[in-house]
Protein backbone atom coordinates (compact mmCIF):
# COMPACT_ATOMS: atom_id res chain seq x y z
CA MET A 1 8.41 12.00 -3.24
CA LEU A 2 10.37 12.80 -6.36
CA VAL A 3 10.64 10.73 -9.51
CA VAL A 4 12.75 11.70 -12.49
CA VAL A 5 12.66 10.04 -15.92
CA GLY A 6 15.24 11.26 -18.40
CA ALA A 7 18.45 13.21 -18.02
CA GLY A 8 19.87 16.64 -18.62
CA SER A 9 17.70 19.41 -17.21
CA ALA A 10 15.56 16.91 -15.38
CA CYS A 11 18.61 15.94 -13.24
CA VAL A 12 19.12 19.64 -12.35
CA ALA A 13 15.46 19.90 -11.42
CA ALA A 14 15.76 16.67 -9.32
CA ARG A 15 18.63 18.22 -7.29
CA LEU A 16 16.83 21.47 -6.75
CA LEU A 17 13.55 19.84 -5.68
CA GLU A 18 15.36 17.36 -3.42
CA SER A 19 17.03 20.23 -1.60
CA GLY A 20 13.72 21.85 -0.84
CA HIS A 21 13.08 24.28 -3.65
CA LYS A 22 9.51 24.85 -4.69
CA ALA A 23 8.48 23.21 -8.01
CA LEU A 24 7.26 26.48 -9.48
CA ALA A 25 10.56 28.19 -8.54
CA VAL A 26 12.54 25.42 -10.22
CA SER A 27 10.56 25.77 -13.41
CA ARG A 28 11.19 29.53 -13.41
CA LEU A 29 14.89 29.00 -12.85
CA LEU A 30 15.15 26.47 -15.72
CA LEU A 31 13.30 28.80 -18.05
CA ARG A 32 15.56 31.71 -17.12
CA HIS A 33 18.72 29.77 -17.87
CA SER A 34 17.27 27.77 -20.78
CA PRO A 35 15.28 30.01 -23.13
CA LEU A 36 14.37 27.07 -25.38
CA LEU A 37 13.13 25.00 -22.47
CA PHE A 38 9.35 24.84 -22.16
CA PHE A 39 7.35 23.56 -19.19
CA LYS A 40 3.76 22.61 -18.56
CA ARG A 41 2.10 21.81 -15.23
CA ASN A 42 -0.60 19.20 -14.90
CA PRO A 43 -2.17 19.81 -11.46
CA SER A 44 -4.44 16.72 -11.66
CA LEU A 45 -1.29 14.47 -12.02
CA ASN A 46 1.03 16.66 -9.94
CA LEU A 47 3.45 16.61 -12.86
CA ILE A 48 5.68 19.38 -14.27
CA SER A 49 6.82 18.50 -17.80
CA PHE A 50 10.00 20.07 -19.25
CA SER A 51 10.68 19.65 -22.96
CA ARG A 52 13.26 20.89 -25.43
CA GLY A 53 12.75 19.92 -29.04
CA ARG A 54 12.10 16.29 -29.35
CA CYS A 55 13.41 15.46 -25.93
CA THR A 56 10.81 15.39 -23.18
CA GLU A 57 11.81 15.13 -19.60
CA ILE A 58 9.37 14.71 -16.75
CA VAL A 59 9.88 15.70 -13.13
CA ALA A 60 7.02 14.30 -11.01
CA ARG A 61 6.79 15.54 -7.43
CA ARG A 62 4.25 14.82 -4.84
CA LEU A 63 2.93 18.30 -4.16
CA GLY A 64 2.05 18.45 -0.59
CA GLY A 65 -0.11 16.10 0.25
CA GLU A 66 -1.69 14.57 3.07
CA SER A 67 -4.22 12.94 0.81
CA ASN A 68 -1.32 11.14 -0.97
CA VAL A 69 -0.09 9.87 2.46
CA ALA A 70 -3.52 8.59 3.25
CA GLU A 71 -3.88 6.93 -0.09
CA ALA A 72 -0.47 5.14 0.23
CA VAL A 73 -1.30 3.95 3.74
CA LYS A 74 -4.61 2.58 2.55
CA ASN A 75 -2.83 0.61 -0.24
CA ILE A 76 -0.35 -0.75 2.27
CA LEU A 77 -3.15 -1.93 4.58
CA LYS A 78 -4.73 -3.74 1.58
CA MET A 79 -1.44 -5.38 0.86
CA ALA A 80 -1.09 -6.44 4.47
CA SER A 81 -4.55 -8.02 4.48
CA ARG A 82 -3.91 -9.83 1.34
CA ALA A 83 -0.48 -11.12 2.48
CA SER A 84 -1.97 -12.35 5.78
CA SER A 85 -4.81 -14.19 4.30
CA ARG A 86 -2.61 -15.90 1.76
CA ARG A 87 0.06 -16.73 4.31
CA GLU A 88 2.69 -14.93 2.19
CA THR A 89 5.07 -12.08 2.68
CA LEU A 90 4.84 -8.93 0.57
CA HIS A 91 7.11 -5.86 0.54
CA THR A 92 6.55 -2.10 -0.14
CA ASP A 93 9.00 0.13 -1.96
CA PHE A 94 11.06 2.63 0.09
CA LEU A 95 8.62 4.85 1.92
CA THR A 96 9.00 8.47 2.83
CA PRO A 97 8.94 9.13 6.63
CA PRO A 98 5.33 10.38 6.70
CA VAL A 99 4.03 7.30 4.94
CA LEU A 100 6.22 4.98 7.01
CA GLN A 101 5.11 6.41 10.31
CA GLU A 102 1.39 6.41 9.51
CA SER A 103 1.58 2.94 7.98
CA ILE A 104 3.33 1.34 11.00
CA SER A 105 0.81 3.04 13.26
CA ALA A 106 -2.12 1.69 11.27
CA LEU A 107 -0.57 -1.80 10.86
CA GLU A 108 -0.13 -2.15 14.63
CA LYS A 109 -3.89 -2.11 14.95
CA LEU A 110 -4.48 -4.96 12.53
CA GLY A 111 -4.93 -8.41 13.95
CA GLY A 112 -3.16 -11.36 12.27
CA VAL A 113 -0.61 -9.13 10.55
CA LYS A 114 3.11 -8.77 11.26
CA ALA A 115 5.00 -5.78 9.85
CA ILE A 116 8.76 -5.20 9.74
CA ALA A 117 10.33 -1.91 8.69
CA GLN A 118 13.93 -1.92 7.42
CA GLY A 119 16.11 0.74 6.05
CA GLY A 120 19.47 -0.91 6.14
CA TYR A 121 20.81 0.82 9.26
CA PRO A 122 19.34 2.05 12.60
CA GLN A 123 18.81 5.72 11.72
CA ALA A 124 17.43 5.18 8.15
CA GLU A 125 14.72 7.65 7.23
CA ARG A 126 13.51 5.88 4.06
CA CYS A 127 12.47 2.28 4.86
CA ARG A 128 10.65 -0.66 3.33
CA ILE A 129 7.87 -2.44 5.13
CA SER A 130 7.40 -6.20 4.87
CA VAL A 131 3.99 -7.50 5.81
CA GLY A 132 2.47 -10.92 6.21
CA HIS A 133 0.99 -13.40 8.64
CA PRO A 134 3.15 -13.83 11.77
CA GLU A 135 3.63 -17.59 11.05
CA ALA A 136 5.04 -16.65 7.60
CA MET A 137 7.56 -14.11 8.89
CA LEU A 138 9.84 -15.89 11.28
CA THR A 139 12.93 -13.86 10.16
CA ASN A 140 13.59 -10.43 8.77
CA PRO A 141 13.12 -10.53 5.00
CA ASP A 142 16.23 -9.69 2.87
CA VAL A 143 14.79 -6.66 1.07
CA ILE A 144 17.64 -4.06 1.37
CA ALA A 145 21.00 -3.99 -0.45
CA ALA A 146 23.88 -1.60 -0.10
CA LEU A 147 25.84 -0.13 -3.03
CA SER A 148 29.20 1.63 -2.76
CA VAL A 149 29.61 4.42 -5.35
CA SER A 150 33.33 5.26 -5.49
CA GLY A 151 35.24 7.92 -7.27
CA ASN A 152 37.81 10.74 -6.87
CA PHE A 153 35.75 13.47 -5.29
CA GLU A 154 38.67 15.24 -3.59
CA PHE A 155 38.46 18.29 -5.87
CA ASP A 156 34.82 17.96 -7.00
CA GLN A 157 32.73 16.85 -4.01
CA CYS A 158 29.16 16.03 -4.88
CA SER A 159 26.03 16.60 -2.80
CA HIS A 160 23.22 14.22 -1.89
CA GLY A 161 21.22 15.72 -4.83
CA ASP A 162 24.06 15.04 -7.29
CA PHE A 163 24.14 11.34 -6.35
CA LEU A 164 20.36 11.09 -6.38
CA GLY A 165 20.12 12.90 -9.77
CA ALA A 166 22.71 10.55 -11.27
CA ILE A 167 20.91 7.44 -10.11
CA LEU A 168 17.52 8.69 -11.25
CA SER A 169 18.96 9.56 -14.61
CA THR A 170 19.48 5.81 -15.22
CA GLY A 171 15.68 5.48 -15.31
CA ILE A 172 15.18 4.10 -11.81
CA ALA A 173 12.20 5.48 -9.85
CA ARG A 174 12.85 7.33 -6.61
CA GLU A 175 10.83 4.83 -4.48
CA LYS A 176 13.48 2.12 -5.36
CA ILE A 177 16.19 4.11 -3.58
CA GLY A 178 16.58 4.39 0.09
CA ASP A 179 18.98 6.67 2.04
CA ILE A 180 22.18 7.97 0.52
CA LEU A 181 25.13 8.15 2.90
CA LEU A 182 27.77 10.62 1.75
CA GLN A 183 31.37 9.55 2.27
CA GLY A 184 33.12 12.84 1.44
CA GLU A 185 35.92 12.57 -1.16
CA LYS A 186 35.43 8.78 -1.37
CA GLY A 187 31.89 8.93 -2.82
CA ALA A 188 28.63 7.54 -1.21
CA GLN A 189 26.89 4.49 -0.02
CA VAL A 190 23.38 3.92 -1.36
CA LEU A 191 20.53 1.72 0.00
CA VAL A 192 18.61 0.20 -2.89
CA ASP A 193 16.22 -2.57 -3.87
CA PRO A 194 18.36 -5.74 -4.21
CA GLU A 195 16.91 -6.39 -7.68
CA LEU A 196 18.56 -3.23 -8.97
CA ILE A 197 22.12 -3.92 -7.83
CA GLU A 198 23.42 -5.51 -11.07
CA PHE A 199 21.78 -2.79 -13.18
CA LEU A 200 23.25 0.05 -11.26
CA ILE A 201 26.68 -1.52 -11.31
CA SER A 202 26.62 -1.49 -15.08
CA ALA A 203 24.60 1.70 -15.68
CA LEU A 204 25.90 4.24 -13.12
CA ASN A 205 29.29 5.37 -14.30
CA LYS A 206 29.35 9.18 -13.46
CA VAL A 207 28.16 11.44 -10.76
CA GLY A 208 28.40 15.09 -11.72
CA ASN A 209 31.63 15.31 -13.61
CA VAL A 210 33.31 12.41 -11.65
CA PRO A 211 33.66 8.93 -13.15
CA VAL A 212 32.51 6.34 -10.62
CA SER A 213 32.55 2.58 -10.08
CA CYS A 214 29.95 0.67 -8.12
CA GLU A 215 30.02 -2.52 -6.05
CA GLN A 216 27.67 -4.22 -3.65
CA ILE A 217 28.78 -4.21 -0.04
CA PRO A 218 27.34 -5.89 3.04
CA LEU A 219 24.97 -3.82 5.18
CA LEU A 220 27.39 -4.34 8.09
CA ALA A 221 29.96 -2.33 6.04
CA LEU A 222 27.84 0.79 5.97
CA GLU A 223 29.61 3.82 7.38
CA TYR A 224 27.24 6.15 9.18
CA GLU A 225 27.51 8.45 12.22
CA PRO A 226 24.80 8.87 14.93
CA PRO A 227 23.12 12.26 14.34
CA ARG A 228 24.88 15.23 16.14
CA SER A 229 22.65 17.33 18.24
CA LYS A 230 22.68 20.41 20.43
CA SER A 231 20.32 20.93 23.36
CA SER A 232 18.84 24.10 24.71
CA THR A 233 15.89 25.07 26.97
CA THR A 234 13.20 27.61 26.34
CA VAL A 235 10.41 28.82 28.56
CA GLU A 236 7.07 29.41 26.83
CA ALA A 237 3.51 30.15 27.84
CA SER A 238 2.22 27.31 25.69
CA MET A 239 3.31 24.25 23.67
CA ARG A 240 2.31 25.78 20.35
CA ILE A 241 4.51 24.79 17.40
CA ASP A 242 5.06 28.50 16.36
CA ALA A 243 6.44 29.31 19.81
CA LEU A 244 8.69 26.24 20.29
CA ALA A 245 9.93 26.03 16.75
CA SER A 246 10.80 29.65 16.41
CA ALA A 247 12.81 29.27 19.56
CA GLY A 248 14.56 26.09 18.59
CA PHE A 249 15.43 27.28 15.05
CA LYS A 250 16.22 30.79 16.30
CA ILE A 251 13.94 32.51 13.82
CA SER A 252 11.14 35.08 14.42
CA ARG A 253 7.67 33.81 15.14
CA SER A 254 6.25 35.74 12.14
CA LYS A 255 8.77 34.17 9.84
CA LEU A 256 7.87 30.75 11.09
CA VAL A 257 4.18 31.47 10.58
CA ASN A 258 4.96 32.32 6.97
CA MET A 259 6.96 29.10 6.57
CA ILE A 260 3.87 27.13 7.83
CA SER A 261 1.70 28.96 5.28
CA ASP A 262 4.27 28.13 2.49
CA GLY A 263 4.12 24.40 3.39
CA ASP A 264 7.78 24.33 4.64
CA VAL A 265 7.16 22.96 8.14
CA ARG A 266 6.34 19.34 9.09
CA LEU A 267 5.52 17.63 12.38
CA ASN A 268 6.71 14.02 12.50
CA TRP A 269 7.05 14.32 8.71
CA SER A 270 3.40 15.36 8.21
CA LEU A 271 2.56 18.81 6.90
CA VAL A 272 1.73 21.37 9.50
CA LEU A 273 -1.48 23.25 8.66
CA LYS A 274 -2.10 25.34 11.89
CA ASN A 275 0.16 27.70 13.70
CA GLY A 276 -1.40 26.63 17.00
CA THR A 277 -0.60 22.91 16.65
CA LEU A 278 0.42 21.64 20.11
CA LEU A 279 3.62 19.69 20.64
CA LYS A 280 4.52 16.90 23.08
CA PRO A 281 7.80 15.09 24.11
CA GLY A 282 9.29 13.11 21.23
CA ASP A 283 7.72 15.21 18.45
CA ILE A 284 10.08 16.06 15.58
CA VAL A 285 9.67 19.38 13.76
CA SER A 286 11.39 19.77 10.41
CA ILE A 287 11.77 22.84 8.27
CA ASN A 288 12.90 22.78 4.65
CA GLY A 289 16.51 24.04 4.48
CA LYS A 290 16.86 24.32 8.30
CA GLY A 291 16.96 20.76 9.57
CA ARG A 292 15.11 19.02 12.46
CA LEU A 293 14.20 19.75 16.02
CA LYS A 294 13.12 17.28 18.67
CA ILE A 295 10.95 18.10 21.71
CA GLY A 296 12.62 16.75 24.84
CA LYS A 297 11.72 16.94 28.51
CA ILE A 298 9.06 19.26 29.78
CA SER A 299 8.67 20.76 33.15
CA ILE A 300 6.32 23.35 34.64
CA THR A 301 7.81 26.47 36.17
CA LYS A 302 6.59 28.16 39.38
CA LYS A 303 4.78 30.67 37.19
CA GLY A 304 2.91 27.91 35.34
CA LYS A 305 4.89 28.17 32.11
CA TYR A 306 6.52 25.38 30.19
CA ALA A 307 10.23 24.82 30.36
CA VAL A 308 10.94 22.77 27.26
CA GLU A 309 14.18 20.97 26.21
CA LEU A 310 14.82 21.57 22.49
CA ILE A 311 17.20 19.14 20.72
CA ARG A 312 18.41 20.53 17.40
CA TYR A 313 19.95 18.11 15.04
CA LEU A 314 23.08 19.49 13.31
C-alpha cells in the first residue's frame, strides 16, 4: 500500500514505488539527483520521510508485510461483527488484493454476516468490501464511483504511476482510490470513493505536463479489456513454486530464488517466503516487474511427473 502526502519529489517517489522499486533504492535515487534532499527512515512506522528546506514530504509504504495483512483482516472482521449486531451496513476503503482475498475467506466463515466485494468492474484488483447483517443488505451498496480524466496525451502519454501520483498529490490517501484504467492518448478512468468525486473534479487539473479535465461517468461506461494471456505447458518433477514460476516467466531457477529472497514474488498476492512452496490449480504467482502467472490444468505423465498448464498474463 502506498500513501503520498505532498507534491514534488514525493510524486516521483510514488511513481517509482508503485512500479515496484524498492523504498531504499528510491531514496538513493532521489538523493543522487537532489543533493539538497534529505531522507529519514522510521522502521517502526514504515515511513520514509523526504524533506527539502521547510517543505517536508512523506512517502509511506507498507514494507512487506504479512503482519499488516493480518491486522487489516482483523479490523475488517471487527467491523463486520459490529455491523451485523447493529443491523447496519459498513464499508471498507479500497483493499489491496492480499487483504481482499484473506478478508473474504475469513468473512465466509462468520455466521450472520453478509459481505459484498466491489471494484467497479469484473476484473478489478482493488475492491471495497461492504459488510452487514443479511437482512440489512438486500442490494449491492453504491460505494464505487468512476471518474474520467481527459486530456491530450497524444505526444505525452502518461503511465499508471503518473496518474496515481497526480491524484495523490491532491492530498487523497491511496486507499481511497481503486483501479486506474489507462485510455491511451485520451487519458484514464479512475475508480474512487464517491465522496471524493467533486473534490477531484475541482482539484485534479494536471497529470505530468498535460492539463486535464475530470467528470463523473457511469460504471457501465468504463472501458476495459479482458486480460490477454498466453498458455504453455511444462513438465516438472514437483509442484514447487521455484520450478513452475521459473518455467512460466522464462527465467533461471537461481534468479527466481533470489527474487523470492528479495520479496519480489507473491502467491495469490501474499508474500512468498519459501522456495519450496507448493502450487495448485488456480494459484496466481506475481513477480514485481514481470507480471502474473496462473496455474492451469495438471496431469500426471507416465513417468510420474507433473504436466502443468501455465497461463501467462500479458
